[in-house]
């Protein structure tokens, strides 16, 4: 299934693939058109209302430039919390 690994992705499809990989967006917030294409390429599966990467999807995600890992998510969350705190303080 090299098509899954080699097919070009639009910038929006790539963003959706990254969001699924990191689990940072609920299914309702992901673009249906992008999900359909990623499903057609066997990169994503939807099970019980949750989008997950397939084995091909994980390989494809790992090959993307600057692909983060689930470990990076905690540092991302810390950064978002710090920015949010700073914004709240500056609004006061």
PDB file of N, CA and C in Angstrom:
ATOM      1  N   UNK A   1       0.826  -1.182   0.000  1.00  0.00           N
ATOM      2  CA  UNK A   1       0.000   0.000   0.000  1.00  0.00           C
ATOM      3  C   UNK A   1       0.873   1.248   0.000  1.00  0.00           C
ATOM      4  N   UNK A   2       1.804   1.311  -0.931  1.00  0.00           N
ATOM      5  CA  UNK A   2       2.704   2.457  -0.996  1.00  0.00           C
ATOM      6  C   UNK A   2       1.966   3.739  -1.344  1.00  0.00           C
ATOM      7  N   UNK A   3       0.800   3.612  -1.963  1.00  0.00           N
ATOM      8  CA  UNK A   3       0.018   4.814  -2.277  1.00  0.00           C
ATOM      9  C   UNK A   3      -0.276   5.601  -1.007  1.00  0.00           C
ATOM     10  N   UNK A   4      -0.545   4.903   0.087  1.00  0.00           N
ATOM     11  CA  UNK A   4      -0.816   5.575   1.359  1.00  0.00           C
ATOM     12  C   UNK A   4       0.374   6.401   1.818  1.00  0.00           C
ATOM     13  N   UNK A   5       1.554   5.898   1.523  1.00  0.00           N
ATOM     14  CA  UNK A   5       2.766   6.563   1.986  1.00  0.00           C
ATOM     15  C   UNK A   5       3.289   7.598   1.003  1.00  0.00           C
ATOM     16  N   UNK A   6       2.918   7.467  -0.269  1.00  0.00           N
ATOM     17  CA  UNK A   6       3.471   8.339  -1.305  1.00  0.00           C
ATOM     18  C   UNK A   6       2.500   9.393  -1.843  1.00  0.00           C
ATOM     19  N   UNK A   7       1.212   9.208  -1.645  1.00  0.00           N
ATOM     20  CA  UNK A   7       0.232  10.135  -2.222  1.00  0.00           C
ATOM     21  C   UNK A   7       0.437  11.539  -1.664  1.00  0.00           C
ATOM     22  N   UNK A   8       0.388  12.545  -2.526  1.00  0.00           N
ATOM     23  CA  UNK A   8       0.553  13.912  -2.023  1.00  0.00           C
ATOM     24  C   UNK A   8      -0.635  14.299  -1.142  1.00  0.00           C
ATOM     25  N   UNK A   9      -0.339  15.052  -0.097  1.00  0.00           N
ATOM     26  CA  UNK A   9      -1.377  15.576   0.782  1.00  0.00           C
ATOM     27  C   UNK A   9      -1.427  17.091   0.631  1.00  0.00           C
ATOM     28  N   UNK A  10      -2.626  17.623   0.667  1.00  0.00           N
ATOM     29  CA  UNK A  10      -2.757  19.083   0.664  1.00  0.00           C
ATOM     30  C   UNK A  10      -2.284  19.594   2.022  1.00  0.00           C
ATOM     31  N   UNK A  11      -1.971  20.876   2.113  1.00  0.00           N
ATOM     32  CA  UNK A  11      -1.582  21.422   3.424  1.00  0.00           C
ATOM     33  C   UNK A  11      -2.654  21.179   4.494  1.00  0.00           C
ATOM     34  N   UNK A  12      -3.922  21.294   4.116  1.00  0.00           N
ATOM     35  CA  UNK A  12      -4.997  21.062   5.082  1.00  0.00           C
ATOM     36  C   UNK A  12      -5.062  19.599   5.511  1.00  0.00           C
ATOM     37  N   UNK A  13      -4.869  18.680   4.573  1.00  0.00           N
ATOM     38  CA  UNK A  13      -4.861  17.257   4.921  1.00  0.00           C
ATOM     39  C   UNK A  13      -3.695  16.931   5.844  1.00  0.00           C
ATOM     40  N   UNK A  14      -2.560  17.555   5.603  1.00  0.00           N
ATOM     41  CA  UNK A  14      -1.399  17.341   6.458  1.00  0.00           C
ATOM     42  C   UNK A  14      -1.673  17.838   7.879  1.00  0.00           C
ATOM     43  N   UNK A  15      -2.313  18.986   7.986  1.00  0.00           N
ATOM     44  CA  UNK A  15      -2.655  19.519   9.306  1.00  0.00           C
ATOM     45  C   UNK A  15      -3.617  18.564  10.017  1.00  0.00           C
ATOM     46  N   UNK A  16      -4.594  18.059   9.294  1.00  0.00           N
ATOM     47  CA  UNK A  16      -5.547  17.121   9.893  1.00  0.00           C
ATOM     48  C   UNK A  16      -4.834  15.850  10.325  1.00  0.00           C
ATOM     49  N   UNK A  17      -3.904  15.350   9.521  1.00  0.00           N
ATOM     50  CA  UNK A  17      -3.134  14.168   9.897  1.00  0.00           C
ATOM     51  C   UNK A  17      -2.353  14.428  11.181  1.00  0.00           C
ATOM     52  N   UNK A  18      -1.750  15.607  11.280  1.00  0.00           N
ATOM     53  CA  UNK A  18      -1.001  15.960  12.497  1.00  0.00           C
ATOM     54  C   UNK A  18      -1.925  16.041  13.710  1.00  0.00           C
ATOM     55  N   UNK A  19      -3.102  16.633  13.533  1.00  0.00           N
ATOM     56  CA  UNK A  19      -4.049  16.747  14.651  1.00  0.00           C
ATOM     57  C   UNK A  19      -4.514  15.377  15.130  1.00  0.00           C
ATOM     58  N   UNK A  20      -4.761  14.484  14.191  1.00  0.00           N
ATOM     59  CA  UNK A  20      -5.156  13.130  14.569  1.00  0.00           C
ATOM     60  C   UNK A  20      -4.003  12.444  15.293  1.00  0.00           C
ATOM     61  N   UNK A  21      -2.793  12.583  14.757  1.00  0.00           N
ATOM     62  CA  UNK A  21      -1.624  11.929  15.361  1.00  0.00           C
ATOM     63  C   UNK A  21      -1.408  12.376  16.798  1.00  0.00           C
ATOM     64  N   UNK A  22      -1.586  13.673  17.051  1.00  0.00           N
ATOM     65  CA  UNK A  22      -1.345  14.210  18.384  1.00  0.00           C
ATOM     66  C   UNK A  22      -2.575  14.148  19.284  1.00  0.00           C
ATOM     67  N   UNK A  23      -3.728  13.839  18.682  1.00  0.00           N
ATOM     68  CA  UNK A  23      -4.951  13.738  19.467  1.00  0.00           C
ATOM     69  C   UNK A  23      -5.374  15.063  20.077  1.00  0.00           C
ATOM     70  N   UNK A  24      -5.106  16.158  19.388  1.00  0.00           N
ATOM     71  CA  UNK A  24      -5.377  17.475  19.971  1.00  0.00           C
ATOM     72  C   UNK A  24      -6.694  18.088  19.510  1.00  0.00           C
ATOM     73  N   UNK A  25      -7.420  17.405  18.615  1.00  0.00           N
ATOM     74  CA  UNK A  25      -8.685  17.944  18.141  1.00  0.00           C
ATOM     75  C   UNK A  25      -9.771  16.882  18.212  1.00  0.00           C
ATOM     76  N   UNK A  26     -10.934  17.239  18.754  1.00  0.00           N
ATOM     77  CA  UNK A  26     -12.046  16.294  18.725  1.00  0.00           C
ATOM     78  C   UNK A  26     -12.495  16.067  17.280  1.00  0.00           C
ATOM     79  N   UNK A  27     -13.114  14.951  17.034  1.00  0.00           N
ATOM     80  CA  UNK A  27     -13.544  14.580  15.689  1.00  0.00           C
ATOM     81  C   UNK A  27     -14.400  15.680  15.058  1.00  0.00           C
ATOM     82  N   UNK A  28     -15.264  16.306  15.841  1.00  0.00           N
ATOM     83  CA  UNK A  28     -16.161  17.337  15.290  1.00  0.00           C
ATOM     84  C   UNK A  28     -15.407  18.560  14.789  1.00  0.00           C
ATOM     85  N   UNK A  29     -14.170  18.748  15.245  1.00  0.00           N
ATOM     86  CA  UNK A  29     -13.378  19.908  14.833  1.00  0.00           C
ATOM     87  C   UNK A  29     -12.455  19.618  13.652  1.00  0.00           C
ATOM     88  N   UNK A  30     -12.462  18.389  13.169  1.00  0.00           N
ATOM     89  CA  UNK A  30     -11.620  18.018  12.027  1.00  0.00           C
ATOM     90  C   UNK A  30     -12.425  18.154  10.739  1.00  0.00           C
ATOM     91  N   UNK A  31     -11.793  18.632   9.696  1.00  0.00           N
ATOM     92  CA  UNK A  31     -12.473  18.850   8.416  1.00  0.00           C
ATOM     93  C   UNK A  31     -12.929  17.521   7.818  1.00  0.00           C
ATOM     94  N   UNK A  32     -14.243  17.361   7.591  1.00  0.00           N
ATOM     95  CA  UNK A  32     -14.766  16.104   7.053  1.00  0.00           C
ATOM     96  C   UNK A  32     -14.122  15.710   5.718  1.00  0.00           C
ATOM     97  N   UNK A  33     -13.878  16.689   4.862  1.00  0.00           N
ATOM     98  CA  UNK A  33     -13.273  16.397   3.553  1.00  0.00           C
ATOM     99  C   UNK A  33     -11.861  15.824   3.714  1.00  0.00           C
ATOM    100  N   UNK A  34     -11.083  16.413   4.627  1.00  0.00           N
ATOM    101  CA  UNK A  34      -9.731  15.921   4.880  1.00  0.00           C
ATOM    102  C   UNK A  34      -9.783  14.507   5.456  1.00  0.00           C
ATOM    103  N   UNK A  35     -10.700  14.280   6.393  1.00  0.00           N
ATOM    104  CA  UNK A  35     -10.832  12.948   6.993  1.00  0.00           C
ATOM    105  C   UNK A  35     -11.196  11.896   5.945  1.00  0.00           C
ATOM    106  N   UNK A  36     -12.112  12.252   5.028  1.00  0.00           N
ATOM    107  CA  UNK A  36     -12.501  11.304   3.979  1.00  0.00           C
ATOM    108  C   UNK A  36     -11.294  10.913   3.133  1.00  0.00           C
ATOM    109  N   UNK A  37     -10.480  11.894   2.774  1.00  0.00           N
ATOM    110  CA  UNK A  37      -9.288  11.618   1.949  1.00  0.00           C
ATOM    111  C   UNK A  37      -8.284  10.779   2.713  1.00  0.00           C
ATOM    112  N   UNK A  38      -8.049  11.119   3.990  1.00  0.00           N
ATOM    113  CA  UNK A  38      -7.103  10.351   4.796  1.00  0.00           C
ATOM    114  C   UNK A  38      -7.598   8.931   5.023  1.00  0.00           C
ATOM    115  N   UNK A  39      -8.900   8.766   5.164  1.00  0.00           N
ATOM    116  CA  UNK A  39      -9.476   7.420   5.286  1.00  0.00           C
ATOM    117  C   UNK A  39      -9.301   6.654   3.980  1.00  0.00           C
ATOM    118  N   UNK A  40      -9.534   7.321   2.848  1.00  0.00           N
ATOM    119  CA  UNK A  40      -9.387   6.675   1.544  1.00  0.00           C
ATOM    120  C   UNK A  40      -7.949   6.210   1.312  1.00  0.00           C
ATOM    121  N   UNK A  41      -7.003   6.922   1.893  1.00  0.00           N
ATOM    122  CA  UNK A  41      -5.590   6.540   1.772  1.00  0.00           C
ATOM    123  C   UNK A  41      -5.160   5.553   2.860  1.00  0.00           C
ATOM    124  N   UNK A  42      -6.101   5.140   3.685  1.00  0.00           N
ATOM    125  CA  UNK A  42      -5.829   4.206   4.795  1.00  0.00           C
ATOM    126  C   UNK A  42      -4.834   4.768   5.802  1.00  0.00           C
ATOM    127  N   UNK A  43      -4.875   6.081   5.997  1.00  0.00           N
ATOM    128  CA  UNK A  43      -3.993   6.722   6.964  1.00  0.00           C
ATOM    129  C   UNK A  43      -4.696   6.927   8.302  1.00  0.00           C
ATOM    130  N   UNK A  44      -6.025   7.022   8.246  1.00  0.00           N
ATOM    131  CA  UNK A  44      -6.827   7.291   9.436  1.00  0.00           C
ATOM    132  C   UNK A  44      -8.004   6.335   9.456  1.00  0.00           C
ATOM    133  N   UNK A  45      -8.394   5.931  10.670  1.00  0.00           N
ATOM    134  CA  UNK A  45      -9.618   5.168  10.854  1.00  0.00           C
ATOM    135  C   UNK A  45     -10.429   5.860  11.942  1.00  0.00           C
ATOM    136  N   UNK A  46     -11.733   5.719  11.849  1.00  0.00           N
ATOM    137  CA  UNK A  46     -12.604   6.312  12.859  1.00  0.00           C
ATOM    138  C   UNK A  46     -13.330   5.177  13.551  1.00  0.00           C
ATOM    139  N   UNK A  47     -13.151   5.139  14.852  1.00  0.00           N
ATOM    140  CA  UNK A  47     -13.728   4.071  15.654  1.00  0.00           C
ATOM    141  C   UNK A  47     -14.353   4.684  16.899  1.00  0.00           C
ATOM    142  N   UNK A  48     -15.617   4.389  17.125  1.00  0.00           N
ATOM    143  CA  UNK A  48     -16.346   4.896  18.290  1.00  0.00           C
ATOM    144  C   UNK A  48     -16.248   6.419  18.400  1.00  0.00           C
ATOM    145  N   UNK A  49     -16.331   7.104  17.252  1.00  0.00           N
ATOM    146  CA  UNK A  49     -16.316   8.556  17.256  1.00  0.00           C
ATOM    147  C   UNK A  49     -14.958   9.184  17.510  1.00  0.00           C
ATOM    148  N   UNK A  50     -13.891   8.389  17.382  1.00  0.00           N
ATOM    149  CA  UNK A  50     -12.532   8.895  17.605  1.00  0.00           C
ATOM    150  C   UNK A  50     -11.682   8.569  16.378  1.00  0.00           C
ATOM    151  N   UNK A  51     -10.996   9.580  15.866  1.00  0.00           N
ATOM    152  CA  UNK A  51     -10.090   9.378  14.726  1.00  0.00           C
ATOM    153  C   UNK A  51      -8.737   8.926  15.253  1.00  0.00           C
ATOM    154  N   UNK A  52      -8.189   7.873  14.641  1.00  0.00           N
ATOM    155  CA  UNK A  52      -6.872   7.342  15.022  1.00  0.00           C
ATOM    156  C   UNK A  52      -6.071   7.046  13.760  1.00  0.00           C
ATOM    157  N   UNK A  53      -4.747   7.122  13.904  1.00  0.00           N
ATOM    158  CA  UNK A  53      -3.877   6.761  12.785  1.00  0.00           C
ATOM    159  C   UNK A  53      -3.832   5.250  12.635  1.00  0.00           C
ATOM    160  N   UNK A  54      -3.767   4.812  11.389  1.00  0.00           N
ATOM    161  CA  UNK A  54      -3.508   3.403  11.096  1.00  0.00           C
ATOM    162  C   UNK A  54      -1.989   3.206  11.140  1.00  0.00           C
ATOM    163  N   UNK A  55      -1.538   1.992  10.912  1.00  0.00           N
ATOM    164  CA  UNK A  55      -0.087   1.762  10.838  1.00  0.00           C
ATOM    165  C   UNK A  55       0.523   2.615   9.724  1.00  0.00           C
ATOM    166  N   UNK A  56      -0.159   2.666   8.581  1.00  0.00           N
ATOM    167  CA  UNK A  56       0.332   3.510   7.481  1.00  0.00           C
ATOM    168  C   UNK A  56       0.306   4.982   7.879  1.00  0.00           C
ATOM    169  N   UNK A  57      -0.719   5.377   8.616  1.00  0.00           N
ATOM    170  CA  UNK A  57      -0.812   6.761   9.070  1.00  0.00           C
ATOM    171  C   UNK A  57       0.338   7.133   9.995  1.00  0.00           C
ATOM    172  N   UNK A  58       0.712   6.211  10.890  1.00  0.00           N
ATOM    173  CA  UNK A  58       1.847   6.482  11.788  1.00  0.00           C
ATOM    174  C   UNK A  58       3.145   6.607  10.992  1.00  0.00           C
ATOM    175  N   UNK A  59       3.315   5.748   9.985  1.00  0.00           N
ATOM    176  CA  UNK A  59       4.519   5.835   9.145  1.00  0.00           C
ATOM    177  C   UNK A  59       4.542   7.163   8.392  1.00  0.00           C
ATOM    178  N   UNK A  60       3.394   7.537   7.857  1.00  0.00           N
ATOM    179  CA  UNK A  60       3.305   8.779   7.077  1.00  0.00           C
ATOM    180  C   UNK A  60       3.558   9.990   7.976  1.00  0.00           C
ATOM    181  N   UNK A  61       2.981   9.971   9.179  1.00  0.00           N
ATOM    182  CA  UNK A  61       3.170  11.076  10.117  1.00  0.00           C
ATOM    183  C   UNK A  61       4.630  11.188  10.521  1.00  0.00           C
ATOM    184  N   UNK A  62       5.266  10.075  10.798  1.00  0.00           N
ATOM    185  CA  UNK A  62       6.674  10.087  11.205  1.00  0.00           C
ATOM    186  C   UNK A  62       7.582  10.666  10.127  1.00  0.00           C
ATOM    187  N   UNK A  63       7.164  10.540   8.873  1.00  0.00           N
ATOM    188  CA  UNK A  63       7.967  11.038   7.755  1.00  0.00           C
ATOM    189  C   UNK A  63       7.768  12.541   7.512  1.00  0.00           C
ATOM    190  N   UNK A  64       6.778  13.133   8.162  1.00  0.00           N
ATOM    191  CA  UNK A  64       6.528  14.568   7.961  1.00  0.00           C
ATOM    192  C   UNK A  64       7.629  15.402   8.613  1.00  0.00           C
ATOM    193  N   UNK A  65       7.931  16.546   8.021  1.00  0.00           N
ATOM    194  CA  UNK A  65       8.899  17.439   8.669  1.00  0.00           C
ATOM    195  C   UNK A  65       8.358  17.901  10.016  1.00  0.00           C
ATOM    196  N   UNK A  66       9.224  17.977  10.998  1.00  0.00           N
ATOM    197  CA  UNK A  66       8.887  18.440  12.342  1.00  0.00           C
ATOM    198  C   UNK A  66       7.738  17.672  12.972  1.00  0.00           C
ATOM    199  N   UNK A  67       7.692  16.375  12.718  1.00  0.00           N
ATOM    200  CA  UNK A  67       6.648  15.558  13.342  1.00  0.00           C
ATOM    201  C   UNK A  67       6.943  15.438  14.827  1.00  0.00           C
ATOM    202  N   UNK A  68       6.009  15.865  15.627  1.00  0.00           N
ATOM    203  CA  UNK A  68       6.166  15.760  17.075  1.00  0.00           C
ATOM    204  C   UNK A  68       5.730  14.387  17.548  1.00  0.00           C
ATOM    205  N   UNK A  69       5.947  14.135  18.802  1.00  0.00           N
ATOM    206  CA  UNK A  69       5.511  12.873  19.389  1.00  0.00           C
ATOM    207  C   UNK A  69       4.491  13.169  20.471  1.00  0.00           C
ATOM    208  N   UNK A  70       3.854  12.139  20.950  1.00  0.00           N
ATOM    209  CA  UNK A  70       2.901  12.311  22.052  1.00  0.00           C
ATOM    210  C   UNK A  70       3.614  12.876  23.268  1.00  0.00           C
ATOM    211  N   UNK A  71       4.902  12.557  23.429  1.00  0.00           N
ATOM    212  CA  UNK A  71       5.681  13.117  24.550  1.00  0.00           C
ATOM    213  C   UNK A  71       5.750  14.632  24.448  1.00  0.00           C
ATOM    214  N   UNK A  72       5.820  15.151  23.227  1.00  0.00           N
ATOM    215  CA  UNK A  72       5.923  16.590  23.027  1.00  0.00           C
ATOM    216  C   UNK A  72       4.643  17.309  23.444  1.00  0.00           C
ATOM    217  N   UNK A  73       3.537  16.577  23.502  1.00  0.00           N
ATOM    218  CA  UNK A  73       2.260  17.191  23.810  1.00  0.00           C
ATOM    219  C   UNK A  73       2.270  17.829  25.193  1.00  0.00           C
ATOM    220  N   UNK A  74       2.918  17.198  26.167  1.00  0.00           N
ATOM    221  CA  UNK A  74       2.921  17.784  27.504  1.00  0.00           C
ATOM    222  C   UNK A  74       3.659  19.123  27.505  1.00  0.00           C
ATOM    223  N   UNK A  75       4.748  19.230  26.753  1.00  0.00           N
ATOM    224  CA  UNK A  75       5.445  20.511  26.685  1.00  0.00           C
ATOM    225  C   UNK A  75       4.605  21.524  25.912  1.00  0.00           C
ATOM    226  N   UNK A  76       3.854  21.073  24.939  1.00  0.00           N
ATOM    227  CA  UNK A  76       2.952  21.947  24.191  1.00  0.00           C
ATOM    228  C   UNK A  76       1.871  22.487  25.123  1.00  0.00           C
ATOM    229  N   UNK A  77       1.291  21.602  25.909  1.00  0.00           N
ATOM    230  CA  UNK A  77       0.250  22.022  26.848  1.00  0.00           C
ATOM    231  C   UNK A  77       0.800  23.017  27.863  1.00  0.00           C
ATOM    232  N   UNK A  78       2.018  22.801  28.321  1.00  0.00           N
ATOM    233  CA  UNK A  78       2.643  23.723  29.271  1.00  0.00           C
ATOM    234  C   UNK A  78       2.844  25.094  28.629  1.00  0.00           C
ATOM    235  N   UNK A  79       3.256  25.100  27.364  1.00  0.00           N
ATOM    236  CA  UNK A  79       3.449  26.359  26.662  1.00  0.00           C
ATOM    237  C   UNK A  79       2.116  27.093  26.492  1.00  0.00           C
ATOM    238  N   UNK A  80       1.076  26.368  26.112  1.00  0.00           N
ATOM    239  CA  UNK A  80      -0.234  26.986  25.940  1.00  0.00           C
ATOM    240  C   UNK A  80      -0.730  27.549  27.275  1.00  0.00           C
ATOM    241  N   UNK A  81      -0.540  26.810  28.354  1.00  0.00           N
ATOM    242  CA  UNK A  81      -0.954  27.284  29.673  1.00  0.00           C
ATOM    243  C   UNK A  81      -0.190  28.555  30.051  1.00  0.00           C
ATOM    244  N   UNK A  82       1.105  28.602  29.777  1.00  0.00           N
ATOM    245  CA  UNK A  82       1.911  29.777  30.105  1.00  0.00           C
ATOM    246  C   UNK A  82       1.468  30.991  29.291  1.00  0.00           C
ATOM    247  N   UNK A  83       1.193  30.779  28.008  1.00  0.00           N
ATOM    248  CA  UNK A  83       0.730  31.887  27.165  1.00  0.00           C
ATOM    249  C   UNK A  83      -0.636  32.364  27.652  1.00  0.00           C
ATOM    250  N   UNK A  84      -1.518  31.438  27.986  1.00  0.00           N
ATOM    251  CA  UNK A  84      -2.836  31.804  28.496  1.00  0.00           C
ATOM    252  C   UNK A  84      -2.741  32.613  29.777  1.00  0.00           C
ATOM    253  N   UNK A  85      -1.858  32.197  30.672  1.00  0.00           N
ATOM    254  CA  UNK A  85      -1.660  32.920  31.931  1.00  0.00           C
ATOM    255  C   UNK A  85      -1.139  34.333  31.663  1.00  0.00           C
ATOM    256  N   UNK A  86      -0.198  34.444  30.766  1.00  0.00           N
ATOM    257  CA  UNK A  86       0.344  35.771  30.435  1.00  0.00           C
ATOM    258  C   UNK A  86      -0.727  36.668  29.837  1.00  0.00           C
ATOM    259  N   UNK A  87      -1.571  36.110  28.962  1.00  0.00           N
ATOM    260  CA  UNK A  87      -2.644  36.895  28.371  1.00  0.00           C
ATOM    261  C   UNK A  87      -3.646  37.350  29.432  1.00  0.00           C
ATOM    262  N   UNK A  88      -3.961  36.471  30.375  1.00  0.00           N
ATOM    263  CA  UNK A  88      -4.878  36.861  31.438  1.00  0.00           C
ATOM    264  C   UNK A  88      -4.289  38.003  32.279  1.00  0.00           C
ATOM    265  N   UNK A  89      -3.003  37.901  32.581  1.00  0.00           N
ATOM    266  CA  UNK A  89      -2.354  38.944  33.387  1.00  0.00           C
ATOM    267  C   UNK A  89      -2.299  40.283  32.639  1.00  0.00           C
ATOM    268  N   UNK A  90      -2.042  40.205  31.331  1.00  0.00           N
ATOM    269  CA  UNK A  90      -1.955  41.459  30.565  1.00  0.00           C
ATOM    270  C   UNK A  90      -3.320  42.096  30.376  1.00  0.00           C
ATOM    271  N   UNK A  91      -4.397  41.306  30.459  1.00  0.00           N
ATOM    272  CA  UNK A  91      -5.747  41.836  30.309  1.00  0.00           C
ATOM    273  C   UNK A  91      -6.220  42.530  31.590  1.00  0.00           C
ATOM    274  N   UNK A  92      -5.592  42.237  32.708  1.00  0.00           N
ATOM    275  CA  UNK A  92      -6.016  42.812  34.001  1.00  0.00           C
ATOM    276  C   UNK A  92      -5.603  44.228  34.167  1.00  0.00           C
TER     277      UNK A  92
END
